[in-house]
Structure formats: structure tokens, C-alpha cells
Amino acid sequence: AYLRMPGGALGASLLVQDGVGVGARGVSSA
């Protein structure tokens, strides 16, 4: 509840952020 889930959400949001505006490679990141 306090480590894996919020931390995983943080990492996932960074991957989605990195995928914005960079074409097909960005889609796979998202």
C-alpha cells in the first residue's frame, strides 16, 4: 500500500511522460 503501489505509479507516470510527443517510440513507452 505504501511502497510498491505509489512507487510503481510514479515510475509508470514517468514512462508515460517520456512517451509524449516522440512518435512511435513514445507509444511503446506509454
PDB file of all heavy atoms in Angstrom:
ATOM      1  N   ALA A   1       0.816  -1.220   0.000  1.00  0.00           N
ATOM      2  CA  ALA A   1       0.000   0.000   0.000  1.00  0.00           C
ATOM      3  C   ALA A   1       0.848   1.269   0.000  1.00  0.00           C
ATOM      4  O   ALA A   1       0.489   2.260  -0.650  1.00  0.00           O
ATOM      5  CB  ALA A   1      -0.939  -0.001   1.214  1.00  0.00           C
ATOM      6  N   TYR A   2       1.973   1.249   0.705  1.00  0.00           N
ATOM      7  CA  TYR A   2       2.735   2.481   0.901  1.00  0.00           C
ATOM      8  C   TYR A   2       4.084   2.515   0.176  1.00  0.00           C
ATOM      9  O   TYR A   2       4.743   3.554   0.167  1.00  0.00           O
ATOM     10  CB  TYR A   2       2.950   2.718   2.401  1.00  0.00           C
ATOM     11  CG  TYR A   2       1.646   2.912   3.126  1.00  0.00           C
ATOM     12  CD1 TYR A   2       1.164   1.932   4.001  1.00  0.00           C
ATOM     13  CD2 TYR A   2       0.862   4.038   2.913  1.00  0.00           C
ATOM     14  CE1 TYR A   2      -0.053   2.093   4.654  1.00  0.00           C
ATOM     15  CE2 TYR A   2      -0.351   4.214   3.570  1.00  0.00           C
ATOM     16  CZ  TYR A   2      -0.800   3.240   4.435  1.00  0.00           C
ATOM     17  OH  TYR A   2      -2.010   3.399   5.068  1.00  0.00           O
ATOM     18  N   LEU A   3       4.476   1.398  -0.451  1.00  0.00           N
ATOM     19  CA  LEU A   3       5.726   1.390  -1.208  1.00  0.00           C
ATOM     20  C   LEU A   3       5.495   0.986  -2.669  1.00  0.00           C
ATOM     21  O   LEU A   3       5.682   1.790  -3.578  1.00  0.00           O
ATOM     22  CB  LEU A   3       6.739   0.436  -0.560  1.00  0.00           C
ATOM     23  CG  LEU A   3       7.529   0.952   0.631  1.00  0.00           C
ATOM     24  CD1 LEU A   3       8.409  -0.157   1.211  1.00  0.00           C
ATOM     25  CD2 LEU A   3       8.397   2.136   0.230  1.00  0.00           C
ATOM     26  N   ARG A   4       5.088  -0.274  -2.884  1.00  0.00           N
ATOM     27  CA  ARG A   4       5.003  -0.782  -4.251  1.00  0.00           C
ATOM     28  C   ARG A   4       3.987  -0.020  -5.102  1.00  0.00           C
ATOM     29  O   ARG A   4       4.295   0.399  -6.219  1.00  0.00           O
ATOM     30  CB  ARG A   4       4.656  -2.269  -4.248  1.00  0.00           C
ATOM     31  CG  ARG A   4       4.475  -2.816  -5.659  1.00  0.00           C
ATOM     32  CD  ARG A   4       4.199  -4.303  -5.698  1.00  0.00           C
ATOM     33  NE  ARG A   4       5.447  -5.051  -5.564  1.00  0.00           N
ATOM     34  CZ  ARG A   4       5.698  -5.921  -4.601  1.00  0.00           C
ATOM     35  NH1 ARG A   4       4.796  -6.142  -3.676  1.00  0.00           N
ATOM     36  NH2 ARG A   4       6.842  -6.574  -4.552  1.00  0.00           N
ATOM     37  N   MET A   5       2.793   0.182  -4.599  1.00  0.00           N
ATOM     38  CA  MET A   5       1.746   0.774  -5.432  1.00  0.00           C
ATOM     39  C   MET A   5       2.005   2.248  -5.753  1.00  0.00           C
ATOM     40  O   MET A   5       1.996   2.630  -6.926  1.00  0.00           O
ATOM     41  CB  MET A   5       0.377   0.553  -4.793  1.00  0.00           C
ATOM     42  CG  MET A   5      -0.026  -0.918  -4.743  1.00  0.00           C
ATOM     43  SD  MET A   5      -1.544  -1.255  -3.830  1.00  0.00           S
ATOM     44  CE  MET A   5      -2.757  -0.716  -5.032  1.00  0.00           C
ATOM     45  N   PRO A   6       2.267   3.109  -4.763  1.00  0.00           N
ATOM     46  CA  PRO A   6       2.557   4.506  -5.121  1.00  0.00           C
ATOM     47  C   PRO A   6       3.863   4.662  -5.888  1.00  0.00           C
ATOM     48  O   PRO A   6       3.962   5.482  -6.812  1.00  0.00           O
ATOM     49  CB  PRO A   6       2.606   5.227  -3.767  1.00  0.00           C
ATOM     50  CG  PRO A   6       2.841   4.161  -2.760  1.00  0.00           C
ATOM     51  CD  PRO A   6       2.193   2.927  -3.298  1.00  0.00           C
ATOM     52  N   GLY A   7       4.874   3.865  -5.536  1.00  0.00           N
ATOM     53  CA  GLY A   7       6.141   3.944  -6.251  1.00  0.00           C
ATOM     54  C   GLY A   7       6.022   3.465  -7.678  1.00  0.00           C
ATOM     55  O   GLY A   7       6.585   4.053  -8.612  1.00  0.00           O
ATOM     56  N   GLY A   8       5.275   2.374  -7.874  1.00  0.00           N
ATOM     57  CA  GLY A   8       5.043   1.877  -9.226  1.00  0.00           C
ATOM     58  C   GLY A   8       4.275   2.872 -10.065  1.00  0.00           C
ATOM     59  O   GLY A   8       4.537   3.033 -11.265  1.00  0.00           O
ATOM     60  N   ALA A   9       3.313   3.564  -9.444  1.00  0.00           N
ATOM     61  CA  ALA A   9       2.550   4.597 -10.154  1.00  0.00           C
ATOM     62  C   ALA A   9       3.470   5.751 -10.571  1.00  0.00           C
ATOM     63  O   ALA A   9       3.324   6.313 -11.669  1.00  0.00           O
ATOM     64  CB  ALA A   9       1.418   5.108  -9.273  1.00  0.00           C
ATOM     65  N   LEU A  10       4.422   6.090  -9.705  1.00  0.00           N
ATOM     66  CA  LEU A  10       5.390   7.133 -10.045  1.00  0.00           C
ATOM     67  C   LEU A  10       6.211   6.717 -11.258  1.00  0.00           C
ATOM     68  O   LEU A  10       6.351   7.491 -12.224  1.00  0.00           O
ATOM     69  CB  LEU A  10       6.316   7.399  -8.854  1.00  0.00           C
ATOM     70  CG  LEU A  10       7.555   8.267  -9.138  1.00  0.00           C
ATOM     71  CD1 LEU A  10       7.124   9.685  -9.545  1.00  0.00           C
ATOM     72  CD2 LEU A  10       8.485   8.314  -7.930  1.00  0.00           C
ATOM     73  N   GLY A  11       6.763   5.514 -11.223  1.00  0.00           N
ATOM     74  CA  GLY A  11       7.570   5.035 -12.347  1.00  0.00           C
ATOM     75  C   GLY A  11       6.769   4.972 -13.636  1.00  0.00           C
ATOM     76  O   GLY A  11       7.248   5.366 -14.707  1.00  0.00           O
ATOM     77  N   ALA A  12       5.523   4.483 -13.534  1.00  0.00           N
ATOM     78  CA  ALA A  12       4.667   4.394 -14.717  1.00  0.00           C
ATOM     79  C   ALA A  12       4.384   5.774 -15.295  1.00  0.00           C
ATOM     80  O   ALA A  12       4.389   5.971 -16.519  1.00  0.00           O
ATOM     81  CB  ALA A  12       3.360   3.693 -14.353  1.00  0.00           C
ATOM     82  N   SER A  13       4.139   6.755 -14.415  1.00  0.00           N
ATOM     83  CA  SER A  13       3.848   8.109 -14.898  1.00  0.00           C
ATOM     84  C   SER A  13       5.063   8.718 -15.605  1.00  0.00           C
ATOM     85  O   SER A  13       4.908   9.475 -16.577  1.00  0.00           O
ATOM     86  CB  SER A  13       3.420   9.008 -13.736  1.00  0.00           C
ATOM     87  OG  SER A  13       4.501   9.267 -12.847  1.00  0.00           O
ATOM     88  N   LEU A  14       6.270   8.373 -15.143  1.00  0.00           N
ATOM     89  CA  LEU A  14       7.480   8.870 -15.804  1.00  0.00           C
ATOM     90  C   LEU A  14       7.621   8.267 -17.199  1.00  0.00           C
ATOM     91  O   LEU A  14       8.009   8.955 -18.153  1.00  0.00           O
ATOM     92  CB  LEU A  14       8.714   8.541 -14.962  1.00  0.00           C
ATOM     93  CG  LEU A  14       8.844   9.282 -13.627  1.00  0.00           C
ATOM     94  CD1 LEU A  14      10.051   8.782 -12.846  1.00  0.00           C
ATOM     95  CD2 LEU A  14       8.947  10.790 -13.840  1.00  0.00           C
ATOM     96  N   LEU A  15       7.293   6.984 -17.329  1.00  0.00           N
ATOM     97  CA  LEU A  15       7.355   6.344 -18.649  1.00  0.00           C
ATOM     98  C   LEU A  15       6.335   6.963 -19.606  1.00  0.00           C
ATOM     99  O   LEU A  15       6.635   7.196 -20.781  1.00  0.00           O
ATOM    100  CB  LEU A  15       7.095   4.841 -18.516  1.00  0.00           C
ATOM    101  CG  LEU A  15       8.253   4.003 -17.967  1.00  0.00           C
ATOM    102  CD1 LEU A  15       7.775   2.592 -17.619  1.00  0.00           C
ATOM    103  CD2 LEU A  15       9.401   3.938 -18.965  1.00  0.00           C
ATOM    104  N   VAL A  16       5.132   7.234 -19.107  1.00  0.00           N
ATOM    105  CA  VAL A  16       4.117   7.884 -19.940  1.00  0.00           C
ATOM    106  C   VAL A  16       4.566   9.294 -20.317  1.00  0.00           C
ATOM    107  O   VAL A  16       4.440   9.721 -21.472  1.00  0.00           O
ATOM    108  CB  VAL A  16       2.758   7.917 -19.212  1.00  0.00           C
ATOM    109  CG1 VAL A  16       1.746   8.740 -19.998  1.00  0.00           C
ATOM    110  CG2 VAL A  16       2.234   6.502 -18.999  1.00  0.00           C
ATOM    111  N   GLN A  17       5.117  10.007 -19.342  1.00  0.00           N
ATOM    112  CA  GLN A  17       5.635  11.368 -19.597  1.00  0.00           C
ATOM    113  C   GLN A  17       6.693  11.339 -20.691  1.00  0.00           C
ATOM    114  O   GLN A  17       6.682  12.186 -21.599  1.00  0.00           O
ATOM    115  CB  GLN A  17       6.236  11.922 -18.310  1.00  0.00           C
ATOM    116  CG  GLN A  17       7.135  13.152 -18.496  1.00  0.00           C
ATOM    117  CD  GLN A  17       7.975  13.434 -17.275  1.00  0.00           C
ATOM    118  OE1 GLN A  17       7.469  14.001 -16.318  1.00  0.00           O
ATOM    119  NE2 GLN A  17       9.248  13.045 -17.294  1.00  0.00           N
ATOM    120  N   ASP A  18       7.575  10.371 -20.636  1.00  0.00           N
ATOM    121  CA  ASP A  18       8.665  10.279 -21.618  1.00  0.00           C
ATOM    122  C   ASP A  18       8.147   9.923 -23.009  1.00  0.00           C
ATOM    123  O   ASP A  18       8.854  10.119 -24.005  1.00  0.00           O
ATOM    124  CB  ASP A  18       9.696   9.234 -21.174  1.00  0.00           C
ATOM    125  CG  ASP A  18      10.397   9.635 -19.890  1.00  0.00           C
ATOM    126  OD1 ASP A  18      10.344  10.821 -19.527  1.00  0.00           O
ATOM    127  OD2 ASP A  18      10.994   8.743 -19.247  1.00  0.00           O
ATOM    128  N   GLY A  19       6.926   9.369 -23.068  1.00  0.00           N
ATOM    129  CA  GLY A  19       6.375   8.980 -24.358  1.00  0.00           C
ATOM    130  C   GLY A  19       5.615  10.067 -25.081  1.00  0.00           C
ATOM    131  O   GLY A  19       5.218   9.900 -26.240  1.00  0.00           O
ATOM    132  N   VAL A  20       5.409  11.196 -24.408  1.00  0.00           N
ATOM    133  CA  VAL A  20       4.614  12.274 -25.008  1.00  0.00           C
ATOM    134  C   VAL A  20       5.408  12.997 -26.090  1.00  0.00           C
ATOM    135  O   VAL A  20       6.520  13.475 -25.843  1.00  0.00           O
ATOM    136  CB  VAL A  20       4.156  13.279 -23.926  1.00  0.00           C
ATOM    137  CG1 VAL A  20       3.450  14.469 -24.570  1.00  0.00           C
ATOM    138  CG2 VAL A  20       3.252  12.597 -22.920  1.00  0.00           C
ATOM    139  N   GLY A  21       4.859  13.036 -27.289  1.00  0.00           N
ATOM    140  CA  GLY A  21       5.428  13.833 -28.373  1.00  0.00           C
ATOM    141  C   GLY A  21       6.672  13.286 -29.021  1.00  0.00           C
ATOM    142  O   GLY A  21       7.418  14.040 -29.653  1.00  0.00           O
ATOM    143  N   VAL A  22       6.912  11.965 -28.914  1.00  0.00           N
ATOM    144  CA  VAL A  22       8.119  11.411 -29.546  1.00  0.00           C
ATOM    145  C   VAL A  22       7.778  10.277 -30.514  1.00  0.00           C
ATOM    146  O   VAL A  22       8.591   9.381 -30.747  1.00  0.00           O
ATOM    147  CB  VAL A  22       9.140  10.922 -28.482  1.00  0.00           C
ATOM    148  CG1 VAL A  22       9.724  12.097 -27.725  1.00  0.00           C
ATOM    149  CG2 VAL A  22       8.498   9.925 -27.517  1.00  0.00           C
ATOM    150  N   GLY A  23       6.582  10.282 -31.064  1.00  0.00           N
ATOM    151  CA  GLY A  23       6.222   9.334 -32.118  1.00  0.00           C
ATOM    152  C   GLY A  23       5.994   7.917 -31.637  1.00  0.00           C
ATOM    153  O   GLY A  23       5.569   7.676 -30.501  1.00  0.00           O
ATOM    154  N   ALA A  24       6.290   6.956 -32.522  1.00  0.00           N
ATOM    155  CA  ALA A  24       6.005   5.538 -32.251  1.00  0.00           C
ATOM    156  C   ALA A  24       6.743   5.041 -31.016  1.00  0.00           C
ATOM    157  O   ALA A  24       6.218   4.223 -30.252  1.00  0.00           O
ATOM    158  CB  ALA A  24       6.383   4.696 -33.464  1.00  0.00           C
ATOM    159  N   ARG A  25       7.955   5.504 -30.827  1.00  0.00           N
ATOM    160  CA  ARG A  25       8.722   5.089 -29.646  1.00  0.00           C
ATOM    161  C   ARG A  25       8.019   5.546 -28.366  1.00  0.00           C
ATOM    162  O   ARG A  25       8.050   4.863 -27.347  1.00  0.00           O
ATOM    163  CB  ARG A  25      10.133   5.669 -29.718  1.00  0.00           C
ATOM    164  CG  ARG A  25      11.066   5.165 -28.624  1.00  0.00           C
ATOM    165  CD  ARG A  25      12.469   5.715 -28.824  1.00  0.00           C
ATOM    166  NE  ARG A  25      13.369   5.243 -27.785  1.00  0.00           N
ATOM    167  CZ  ARG A  25      13.983   4.065 -27.799  1.00  0.00           C
ATOM    168  NH1 ARG A  25      13.769   3.232 -28.789  1.00  0.00           N
ATOM    169  NH2 ARG A  25      14.796   3.712 -26.821  1.00  0.00           N
ATOM    170  N   GLY A  26       7.383   6.691 -28.460  1.00  0.00           N
ATOM    171  CA  GLY A  26       6.646   7.192 -27.302  1.00  0.00           C
ATOM    172  C   GLY A  26       5.441   6.336 -26.963  1.00  0.00           C
ATOM    173  O   GLY A  26       5.092   6.164 -25.793  1.00  0.00           O
ATOM    174  N   VAL A  27       4.793   5.780 -27.993  1.00  0.00           N
ATOM    175  CA  VAL A  27       3.645   4.906 -27.761  1.00  0.00           C
ATOM    176  C   VAL A  27       4.072   3.676 -26.969  1.00  0.00           C
ATOM    177  O   VAL A  27       3.409   3.266 -26.013  1.00  0.00           O
ATOM    178  CB  VAL A  27       3.003   4.477 -29.110  1.00  0.00           C
ATOM    179  CG1 VAL A  27       1.915   3.434 -28.861  1.00  0.00           C
ATOM    180  CG2 VAL A  27       2.429   5.688 -29.824  1.00  0.00           C
ATOM    181  N   SER A  28       5.196   3.071 -27.348  1.00  0.00           N
ATOM    182  CA  SER A  28       5.662   1.879 -26.630  1.00  0.00           C
ATOM    183  C   SER A  28       6.063   2.220 -25.203  1.00  0.00           C
ATOM    184  O   SER A  28       5.872   1.412 -24.289  1.00  0.00           O
ATOM    185  CB  SER A  28       6.834   1.228 -27.376  1.00  0.00           C
ATOM    186  OG  SER A  28       7.962   2.084 -27.426  1.00  0.00           O
ATOM    187  N   SER A  29       6.576   3.430 -24.982  1.00  0.00           N
ATOM    188  CA  SER A  29       6.915   3.860 -23.628  1.00  0.00           C
ATOM    189  C   SER A  29       5.652   3.999 -22.784  1.00  0.00           C
ATOM    190  O   SER A  29       5.609   3.581 -21.623  1.00  0.00           O
ATOM    191  CB  SER A  29       7.662   5.195 -23.672  1.00  0.00           C
ATOM    192  OG  SER A  29       7.997   5.631 -22.358  1.00  0.00           O
ATOM    193  N   ALA A  30       4.607   4.564 -23.386  1.00  0.00           N
ATOM    194  CA  ALA A  30       3.339   4.725 -22.673  1.00  0.00           C
ATOM    195  C   ALA A  30       2.694   3.373 -22.382  1.00  0.00           C
ATOM    196  O   ALA A  30       2.147   3.151 -21.292  1.00  0.00           O
ATOM    197  CB  ALA A  30       2.390   5.603 -23.481  1.00  0.00           C
TER     198      ALA A  30
END
